[in-house]
């Protein structure tokens, strides 16, 4: 019995460790050299291509509701009209966020919020998120990284006024969620992807400069989890729970040590 229990514990620990190592993988990538283009900032699947006008954009679910662009991005630097390309990041995707083009970081905003699920119409503009404004050779574009409902954690790897090459790492997000690229009309970029398409950070062109003859077809896709994602997610949840317990114990221990030191 003891041997069987030990084997079960060892198997569970090995599975958890394997899941965590797989999740945190971040291999080097040979970035696509594409002039006059915007590359996908993340690995994932396109779930929406939306037009915004008069500073207002429709929600992901296309139910008639809209929100102000500054509610999403917390900036007024992205023009009154443009396009938003939203990409869903699954738990199985690599969670590195890369710069869509050679650019300078003009503004970074860390926005506190809730932890709603993606199916909630208010998800992307009420959840915790990080917003970046990047100055490209053709003008400013926005990048909004929305935190997952399970745990809110977006680690930014660049700072204000930093320069980043196309495909260079700019952030990391945990447990899958959403990344939206905001493209003002003034930039001249036109989306060349549609809903359901699989994209890869630094490898897939999602917008092209000067393609004004291509009509912008708005689209919305429902993001459904796959069987492998459902199987994989419990291991990540277990890791998150253990991590939070460890942090809580560590904080209590520090307070206890501080209290004794004062006495």
Foldseek 3Di string as FASTA:
>chain_A
DVVVVVVVVVVLVVLLVVLVCQQADDDDDDFDDDPQFFAAFAWAFWFWKWKFAQQWTFFQVPPPDIDGVCLQAVDPFQDGIFIKTKGWWASNTHFFTWGRAWWWWADKDFDDAAADASVPRCQRRGATWMKTWTQDPLGIKIKIGGAHNLDGDKAADDDHGDTHHQLHTGIGYPRIGMMMITHHVSSQWAAPDAGGDTHHGSYGTGIGHPVVVDDHDIHGHDDDDDPVSVVSVVSVSVVVVVVVVVVVVVVVVVVVVVVVVVD
